[in-house]
């Protein structure tokens, strides 16, 4: 959901990433490279690692990271600034930016990502993950998937 947000104000201690990239998933939004660049997208998707809200802001995924108790006020500040721009201007800006991403091939990448996501769930590893979730529960299956990536 964070990748689909126009502007993201995030808790500094939030955790963002796509751990299913390890087994049983390809992100169908296909927005990682568009939002944070190809190198950082590779870093997160090749490992399934996550980043903090502070890192997300530093990487340009979020416009700001703040402590939880300040989030509402920070969001309201952004909302107030945006509200000063006429709606017709906002609509044109959003359409322009969306078209730029479409021209870069987002629609085709999303089709391919959806196709790959389906394939990822029907690999030997995907089936093993599903079996583990059915036999031992979702949390246990996710823990088993992610445990080898935990740092010492």
C-alpha atoms as a PDB file:
ATOM      1  CA  UNK A   1       0.000   0.000   0.000  1.00  0.00           C
ATOM      2  CA  UNK A   2       2.863   2.361   0.761  1.00  0.00           C
ATOM      3  CA  UNK A   3       4.103   2.126  -2.805  1.00  0.00           C
ATOM      4  CA  UNK A   4       0.713   3.197  -4.149  1.00  0.00           C
ATOM      5  CA  UNK A   5       0.459   6.287  -1.943  1.00  0.00           C
ATOM      6  CA  UNK A   6       1.021   9.676  -3.540  1.00  0.00           C
ATOM      7  CA  UNK A   7       2.788  11.033  -0.463  1.00  0.00           C
ATOM      8  CA  UNK A   8       3.689   8.947   2.538  1.00  0.00           C
ATOM      9  CA  UNK A   9       4.260  10.293   6.041  1.00  0.00           C
ATOM     10  CA  UNK A  10       5.514   7.313   7.983  1.00  0.00           C
ATOM     11  CA  UNK A  11       6.417   6.360  11.513  1.00  0.00           C
ATOM     12  CA  UNK A  12      10.183   6.478  11.886  1.00  0.00           C
ATOM     13  CA  UNK A  13      10.202   2.963  13.379  1.00  0.00           C
ATOM     14  CA  UNK A  14       7.841   1.464  10.773  1.00  0.00           C
ATOM     15  CA  UNK A  15       9.084  -1.494   8.768  1.00  0.00           C
ATOM     16  CA  UNK A  16       8.651  -1.587   4.987  1.00  0.00           C
ATOM     17  CA  UNK A  17       9.634  -4.246   2.532  1.00  0.00           C
ATOM     18  CA  UNK A  18       8.393  -7.290   0.690  1.00  0.00           C
ATOM     19  CA  UNK A  19       9.517 -10.438   2.561  1.00  0.00           C
ATOM     20  CA  UNK A  20       7.375 -12.675   0.276  1.00  0.00           C
ATOM     21  CA  UNK A  21      10.087 -11.995  -2.324  1.00  0.00           C
ATOM     22  CA  UNK A  22      12.018 -14.728  -0.504  1.00  0.00           C
ATOM     23  CA  UNK A  23       9.399 -17.369  -1.282  1.00  0.00           C
ATOM     24  CA  UNK A  24       5.820 -17.119  -2.516  1.00  0.00           C
ATOM     25  CA  UNK A  25       5.501 -13.748  -4.099  1.00  0.00           C
ATOM     26  CA  UNK A  26       6.419 -11.092  -6.641  1.00  0.00           C
ATOM     27  CA  UNK A  27       5.117  -7.560  -5.922  1.00  0.00           C
ATOM     28  CA  UNK A  28       2.376  -6.968  -8.454  1.00  0.00           C
ATOM     29  CA  UNK A  29       2.440  -3.167  -8.096  1.00  0.00           C
ATOM     30  CA  UNK A  30       5.802  -3.226  -9.915  1.00  0.00           C
ATOM     31  CA  UNK A  31       6.504   0.173  -8.365  1.00  0.00           C
ATOM     32  CA  UNK A  32       9.708  -0.545  -6.431  1.00  0.00           C
ATOM     33  CA  UNK A  33      12.098   0.555  -9.184  1.00  0.00           C
ATOM     34  CA  UNK A  34       9.999   3.629  -9.943  1.00  0.00           C
ATOM     35  CA  UNK A  35       9.851   4.709  -6.327  1.00  0.00           C
ATOM     36  CA  UNK A  36      13.365   3.989  -5.026  1.00  0.00           C
ATOM     37  CA  UNK A  37      15.497   3.205  -8.066  1.00  0.00           C
ATOM     38  CA  UNK A  38      16.666  -0.050  -9.572  1.00  0.00           C
ATOM     39  CA  UNK A  39      19.627  -0.664  -7.231  1.00  0.00           C
ATOM     40  CA  UNK A  40      17.660  -0.256  -4.015  1.00  0.00           C
ATOM     41  CA  UNK A  41      14.737  -2.212  -5.495  1.00  0.00           C
ATOM     42  CA  UNK A  42      17.141  -5.054  -6.238  1.00  0.00           C
ATOM     43  CA  UNK A  43      18.518  -4.859  -2.713  1.00  0.00           C
ATOM     44  CA  UNK A  44      15.069  -5.281  -1.172  1.00  0.00           C
ATOM     45  CA  UNK A  45      13.600  -7.784  -3.625  1.00  0.00           C
ATOM     46  CA  UNK A  46      16.690  -9.994  -3.994  1.00  0.00           C
ATOM     47  CA  UNK A  47      16.845 -10.388  -0.189  1.00  0.00           C
ATOM     48  CA  UNK A  48      13.298  -9.756   1.011  1.00  0.00           C
ATOM     49  CA  UNK A  49      14.845  -7.399   3.578  1.00  0.00           C
ATOM     50  CA  UNK A  50      12.962  -4.466   5.069  1.00  0.00           C
ATOM     51  CA  UNK A  51      13.867  -0.879   5.859  1.00  0.00           C
ATOM     52  CA  UNK A  52      12.750   1.477   8.620  1.00  0.00           C
ATOM     53  CA  UNK A  53      10.519   4.479   8.163  1.00  0.00           C
ATOM     54  CA  UNK A  54      13.566   6.700   8.617  1.00  0.00           C
ATOM     55  CA  UNK A  55      15.352   4.850   5.799  1.00  0.00           C
ATOM     56  CA  UNK A  56      12.212   5.031   3.649  1.00  0.00           C
ATOM     57  CA  UNK A  57      12.242   8.817   3.964  1.00  0.00           C
ATOM     58  CA  UNK A  58      15.981   8.991   3.229  1.00  0.00           C
ATOM     59  CA  UNK A  59      15.472   6.795   0.132  1.00  0.00           C
ATOM     60  CA  UNK A  60      12.621   8.972  -1.149  1.00  0.00           C
ATOM     61  CA  UNK A  61       9.849   6.426  -0.566  1.00  0.00           C
ATOM     62  CA  UNK A  62       8.297   8.635   2.105  1.00  0.00           C
ATOM     63  CA  UNK A  63       8.250  12.422   2.264  1.00  0.00           C
ATOM     64  CA  UNK A  64       8.809  12.368   5.993  1.00  0.00           C
ATOM     65  CA  UNK A  65       9.366  10.029   8.926  1.00  0.00           C
ATOM     66  CA  UNK A  66       8.297  11.010  12.421  1.00  0.00           C
ATOM     67  CA  UNK A  67       7.685   9.465  15.838  1.00  0.00           C
ATOM     68  CA  UNK A  68       4.239   7.903  16.190  1.00  0.00           C
ATOM     69  CA  UNK A  69       2.922  10.637  18.467  1.00  0.00           C
ATOM     70  CA  UNK A  70       3.725  13.279  15.803  1.00  0.00           C
ATOM     71  CA  UNK A  71       2.304  11.489  12.754  1.00  0.00           C
ATOM     72  CA  UNK A  72      -1.151  13.052  12.783  1.00  0.00           C
ATOM     73  CA  UNK A  73       0.228  16.580  13.119  1.00  0.00           C
ATOM     74  CA  UNK A  74       2.809  16.016  10.381  1.00  0.00           C
ATOM     75  CA  UNK A  75       0.169  14.553   8.075  1.00  0.00           C
ATOM     76  CA  UNK A  76      -2.179  17.462   8.754  1.00  0.00           C
ATOM     77  CA  UNK A  77       0.637  19.898   7.936  1.00  0.00           C
ATOM     78  CA  UNK A  78       1.147  18.250   4.527  1.00  0.00           C
ATOM     79  CA  UNK A  79      -2.588  18.092   3.943  1.00  0.00           C
ATOM     80  CA  UNK A  80      -2.913  21.798   4.717  1.00  0.00           C
ATOM     81  CA  UNK A  81      -0.172  22.695   2.247  1.00  0.00           C
ATOM     82  CA  UNK A  82      -1.658  20.534  -0.510  1.00  0.00           C
ATOM     83  CA  UNK A  83      -5.137  21.927   0.159  1.00  0.00           C
ATOM     84  CA  UNK A  84      -3.864  25.404  -0.783  1.00  0.00           C
ATOM     85  CA  UNK A  85      -3.338  24.260  -4.390  1.00  0.00           C
ATOM     86  CA  UNK A  86      -6.455  24.387  -6.590  1.00  0.00           C
ATOM     87  CA  UNK A  87      -7.972  20.950  -7.208  1.00  0.00           C
ATOM     88  CA  UNK A  88      -7.704  21.361 -10.992  1.00  0.00           C
ATOM     89  CA  UNK A  89      -3.946  21.926 -10.626  1.00  0.00           C
ATOM     90  CA  UNK A  90      -3.606  18.864  -8.396  1.00  0.00           C
ATOM     91  CA  UNK A  91      -5.511  16.733 -10.915  1.00  0.00           C
ATOM     92  CA  UNK A  92      -3.271  17.874 -13.761  1.00  0.00           C
ATOM     93  CA  UNK A  93      -0.098  17.300 -11.732  1.00  0.00           C
ATOM     94  CA  UNK A  94      -1.208  13.804 -10.745  1.00  0.00           C
ATOM     95  CA  UNK A  95      -2.171  12.909 -14.326  1.00  0.00           C
ATOM     96  CA  UNK A  96       1.144  14.231 -15.629  1.00  0.00           C
ATOM     97  CA  UNK A  97       3.180  12.259 -13.101  1.00  0.00           C
ATOM     98  CA  UNK A  98       1.127   9.110 -13.599  1.00  0.00           C
ATOM     99  CA  UNK A  99       1.545   9.373 -17.376  1.00  0.00           C
ATOM    100  CA  UNK A 100       5.310   9.730 -16.966  1.00  0.00           C
ATOM    101  CA  UNK A 101       5.412   6.450 -15.051  1.00  0.00           C
ATOM    102  CA  UNK A 102       3.114   4.764 -17.589  1.00  0.00           C
ATOM    103  CA  UNK A 103       5.409   5.950 -20.403  1.00  0.00           C
ATOM    104  CA  UNK A 104       8.290   4.288 -18.582  1.00  0.00           C
ATOM    105  CA  UNK A 105       6.479   0.968 -18.921  1.00  0.00           C
ATOM    106  CA  UNK A 106       4.663   0.604 -15.603  1.00  0.00           C
ATOM    107  CA  UNK A 107       1.554  -1.018 -17.112  1.00  0.00           C
ATOM    108  CA  UNK A 108       3.588  -3.690 -18.905  1.00  0.00           C
ATOM    109  CA  UNK A 109       5.693  -4.290 -15.793  1.00  0.00           C
ATOM    110  CA  UNK A 110       2.544  -4.754 -13.696  1.00  0.00           C
ATOM    111  CA  UNK A 111       1.193  -7.350 -16.121  1.00  0.00           C
ATOM    112  CA  UNK A 112       4.497  -9.216 -16.003  1.00  0.00           C
ATOM    113  CA  UNK A 113       4.679  -8.916 -12.198  1.00  0.00           C
ATOM    114  CA  UNK A 114       1.172 -10.365 -11.825  1.00  0.00           C
ATOM    115  CA  UNK A 115       2.122 -13.254 -14.113  1.00  0.00           C
ATOM    116  CA  UNK A 116       5.341 -13.884 -12.153  1.00  0.00           C
ATOM    117  CA  UNK A 117       3.487 -13.653  -8.827  1.00  0.00           C
ATOM    118  CA  UNK A 118       1.218 -16.470  -9.984  1.00  0.00           C
ATOM    119  CA  UNK A 119       4.192 -18.541 -11.083  1.00  0.00           C
ATOM    120  CA  UNK A 120       6.022 -17.917  -7.775  1.00  0.00           C
ATOM    121  CA  UNK A 121       3.129 -19.491  -5.907  1.00  0.00           C
ATOM    122  CA  UNK A 122       3.285 -22.604  -8.110  1.00  0.00           C
ATOM    123  CA  UNK A 123       6.965 -23.477  -7.796  1.00  0.00           C
ATOM    124  CA  UNK A 124       8.267 -26.327  -5.640  1.00  0.00           C
ATOM    125  CA  UNK A 125       9.271 -23.723  -3.027  1.00  0.00           C
ATOM    126  CA  UNK A 126       5.876 -22.032  -3.248  1.00  0.00           C
ATOM    127  CA  UNK A 127       4.046 -25.318  -2.719  1.00  0.00           C
ATOM    128  CA  UNK A 128       6.347 -26.166   0.213  1.00  0.00           C
ATOM    129  CA  UNK A 129       5.555 -22.796   1.793  1.00  0.00           C
ATOM    130  CA  UNK A 130       1.813 -23.397   1.364  1.00  0.00           C
ATOM    131  CA  UNK A 131       2.115 -26.875   2.913  1.00  0.00           C
ATOM    132  CA  UNK A 132       4.076 -25.490   5.859  1.00  0.00           C
ATOM    133  CA  UNK A 133       1.434 -22.814   6.411  1.00  0.00           C
ATOM    134  CA  UNK A 134      -1.367 -25.407   6.348  1.00  0.00           C
ATOM    135  CA  UNK A 135       0.464 -27.885   8.584  1.00  0.00           C
ATOM    136  CA  UNK A 136       2.139 -25.551  11.079  1.00  0.00           C
ATOM    137  CA  UNK A 137       0.269 -22.252  10.717  1.00  0.00           C
ATOM    138  CA  UNK A 138       1.004 -19.032   8.858  1.00  0.00           C
ATOM    139  CA  UNK A 139       3.293 -17.516  11.506  1.00  0.00           C
ATOM    140  CA  UNK A 140       5.428 -20.645  11.689  1.00  0.00           C
ATOM    141  CA  UNK A 141       5.748 -20.806   7.907  1.00  0.00           C
ATOM    142  CA  UNK A 142       6.751 -17.135   7.701  1.00  0.00           C
ATOM    143  CA  UNK A 143       9.228 -17.611  10.550  1.00  0.00           C
ATOM    144  CA  UNK A 144      10.790 -20.609   8.792  1.00  0.00           C
ATOM    145  CA  UNK A 145      10.997 -18.619   5.542  1.00  0.00           C
ATOM    146  CA  UNK A 146      12.567 -15.567   7.175  1.00  0.00           C
ATOM    147  CA  UNK A 147      14.811 -17.189   9.823  1.00  0.00           C
ATOM    148  CA  UNK A 148      17.764 -17.790   7.474  1.00  0.00           C
ATOM    149  CA  UNK A 149      17.832 -14.035   6.741  1.00  0.00           C
ATOM    150  CA  UNK A 150      18.009 -12.914  10.383  1.00  0.00           C
ATOM    151  CA  UNK A 151      21.203 -11.118  11.241  1.00  0.00           C
ATOM    152  CA  UNK A 152      23.253 -12.563  14.130  1.00  0.00           C
END
